[in-house]
Every structure is written in C-alpha cells, then in structure tokens.
Amino acid sequence: MLQEWALYTASINLHGVNLMNYLISLAIGLFVGVIYGALDFRSPAPPAIALIGLMGMLLGEKLWPMGRQLVSGWLT
C-alpha cells in the first residue's frame, strides 16, 4: 500500500512541477499556524504586503525568460 501511495504522489505533476511538494508544504504551514493560534503566539512571518511583493518578484522572475523567448520567436 505504501508503494502505491508513493506512485500516486509521484504522479501529481503539472507542467513538470511536482505539486505534492507544494501540498505538503501548505499542509505543514497550516498545521504550524493552528498550533501558533492555539498557543496564542504571534507568527514570525512577514506582513501580507511583504508576501505580495515576494510573489511579484517570483512572477517577474518567471515572466522574463518567457518574454525573451517570445521576442526571439518574433525576430526569427
């Protein structure tokens, strides 16, 4: 049964990205968040505005190669 689970989790891919890693990371983050809430701790995470900026940086990092490839396709 464990081997079947391993094959199932290895097959969750979207455009070559293993989504299972992201789902596990999200689940662990939610679990830790619940523990922080239960213990009434303040999260050490940056404010939401900083996380939005980080998301913008990551999107920009991905857009640059895509734009460069698109422009080179137009020029050839």
C-alpha atoms as a PDB file:
ATOM      1  CA  MET A   1       0.000   0.000   0.000  1.00  0.00           C
ATOM      2  CA  LEU A   2       2.863   2.392   0.769  1.00  0.00           C
ATOM      3  CA  GLN A   3       4.344   1.724  -2.648  1.00  0.00           C
ATOM      4  CA  GLU A   4       1.001   2.564  -4.311  1.00  0.00           C
ATOM      5  CA  TRP A   5       0.875   5.835  -2.356  1.00  0.00           C
ATOM      6  CA  ALA A   6       4.406   6.681  -3.466  1.00  0.00           C
ATOM      7  CA  LEU A   7       3.477   6.078  -7.101  1.00  0.00           C
ATOM      8  CA  TYR A   8       0.332   8.197  -6.729  1.00  0.00           C
ATOM      9  CA  THR A   9       2.139  11.122  -5.130  1.00  0.00           C
ATOM     10  CA  ALA A  10       4.935  10.967  -7.694  1.00  0.00           C
ATOM     11  CA  SER A  11       2.367  11.251 -10.492  1.00  0.00           C
ATOM     12  CA  ILE A  12       0.865  14.574  -9.326  1.00  0.00           C
ATOM     13  CA  ASN A  13       2.683  16.845 -11.764  1.00  0.00           C
ATOM     14  CA  LEU A  14       1.672  19.997 -13.574  1.00  0.00           C
ATOM     15  CA  HIS A  15       3.977  21.082 -16.377  1.00  0.00           C
ATOM     16  CA  GLY A  16       6.877  19.219 -14.787  1.00  0.00           C
ATOM     17  CA  VAL A  17       6.321  20.654 -11.297  1.00  0.00           C
ATOM     18  CA  ASN A  18       5.692  18.156  -8.514  1.00  0.00           C
ATOM     19  CA  LEU A  19       2.587  19.559  -6.848  1.00  0.00           C
ATOM     20  CA  MET A  20       2.839  17.144  -3.944  1.00  0.00           C
ATOM     21  CA  ASN A  21       5.787  19.130  -2.551  1.00  0.00           C
ATOM     22  CA  TYR A  22       3.652  22.266  -2.529  1.00  0.00           C
ATOM     23  CA  LEU A  23       0.688  20.481  -0.952  1.00  0.00           C
ATOM     24  CA  ILE A  24       2.879  19.032   1.808  1.00  0.00           C
ATOM     25  CA  SER A  25       4.417  22.450   2.442  1.00  0.00           C
ATOM     26  CA  LEU A  26       0.958  24.036   2.623  1.00  0.00           C
ATOM     27  CA  ALA A  27      -0.321  21.337   4.997  1.00  0.00           C
ATOM     28  CA  ILE A  28       2.650  21.724   7.332  1.00  0.00           C
ATOM     29  CA  GLY A  29       2.279  25.512   7.263  1.00  0.00           C
ATOM     30  CA  LEU A  30      -1.408  25.253   8.133  1.00  0.00           C
ATOM     31  CA  PHE A  31      -0.629  22.810  10.942  1.00  0.00           C
ATOM     32  CA  VAL A  32       2.005  25.116  12.428  1.00  0.00           C
ATOM     33  CA  GLY A  33      -0.383  28.054  12.051  1.00  0.00           C
ATOM     34  CA  VAL A  34      -3.057  26.203  14.021  1.00  0.00           C
ATOM     35  CA  ILE A  35      -0.528  25.439  16.766  1.00  0.00           C
ATOM     36  CA  TYR A  36       0.534  29.110  16.859  1.00  0.00           C
ATOM     37  CA  GLY A  37      -3.116  30.138  17.103  1.00  0.00           C
ATOM     38  CA  ALA A  38      -3.835  27.633  19.865  1.00  0.00           C
ATOM     39  CA  LEU A  39      -0.827  28.828  21.874  1.00  0.00           C
ATOM     40  CA  ASP A  40      -1.683  32.487  21.138  1.00  0.00           C
ATOM     41  CA  PHE A  41       1.749  33.150  19.618  1.00  0.00           C
ATOM     42  CA  ARG A  42       2.392  35.868  17.076  1.00  0.00           C
ATOM     43  CA  SER A  43       3.599  34.456  13.773  1.00  0.00           C
ATOM     44  CA  PRO A  44       7.183  35.339  12.801  1.00  0.00           C
ATOM     45  CA  ALA A  45       6.055  35.568   9.165  1.00  0.00           C
ATOM     46  CA  PRO A  46       6.340  38.925   7.421  1.00  0.00           C
ATOM     47  CA  PRO A  47       3.223  41.024   6.903  1.00  0.00           C
ATOM     48  CA  ALA A  48       0.956  40.136   3.997  1.00  0.00           C
ATOM     49  CA  ILE A  49       2.184  43.121   1.950  1.00  0.00           C
ATOM     50  CA  ALA A  50       5.707  41.683   2.002  1.00  0.00           C
ATOM     51  CA  LEU A  51       4.416  38.313   0.845  1.00  0.00           C
ATOM     52  CA  ILE A  52       2.584  40.003  -2.051  1.00  0.00           C
ATOM     53  CA  GLY A  53       5.860  41.682  -3.014  1.00  0.00           C
ATOM     54  CA  LEU A  54       7.658  38.361  -2.888  1.00  0.00           C
ATOM     55  CA  MET A  55       5.000  36.829  -5.123  1.00  0.00           C
ATOM     56  CA  GLY A  56       5.527  39.677  -7.583  1.00  0.00           C
ATOM     57  CA  MET A  57       9.257  39.021  -7.588  1.00  0.00           C
ATOM     58  CA  LEU A  58       8.721  35.334  -8.307  1.00  0.00           C
ATOM     59  CA  LEU A  59       6.263  36.080 -11.115  1.00  0.00           C
ATOM     60  CA  GLY A  60       8.647  38.607 -12.620  1.00  0.00           C
ATOM     61  CA  GLU A  61      11.444  36.065 -12.466  1.00  0.00           C
ATOM     62  CA  LYS A  62       9.299  33.643 -14.490  1.00  0.00           C
ATOM     63  CA  LEU A  63       7.999  36.271 -16.928  1.00  0.00           C
ATOM     64  CA  TRP A  64      11.431  37.464 -18.046  1.00  0.00           C
ATOM     65  CA  PRO A  65      12.503  34.188 -19.760  1.00  0.00           C
ATOM     66  CA  MET A  66       9.029  33.771 -21.257  1.00  0.00           C
ATOM     67  CA  GLY A  67       9.103  37.296 -22.698  1.00  0.00           C
ATOM     68  CA  ARG A  68      12.620  36.847 -24.012  1.00  0.00           C
ATOM     69  CA  GLN A  69      11.600  33.613 -25.756  1.00  0.00           C
ATOM     70  CA  LEU A  70       8.513  35.294 -27.226  1.00  0.00           C
ATOM     71  CA  VAL A  71      10.515  38.227 -28.600  1.00  0.00           C
ATOM     72  CA  SER A  72      13.200  35.958 -30.058  1.00  0.00           C
ATOM     73  CA  GLY A  73      10.410  33.989 -31.781  1.00  0.00           C
ATOM     74  CA  TRP A  74       9.130  37.187 -33.372  1.00  0.00           C
ATOM     75  CA  LEU A  75      12.585  38.201 -34.572  1.00  0.00           C
ATOM     76  CA  THR A  76      13.397  34.906 -36.296  1.00  0.00           C
END
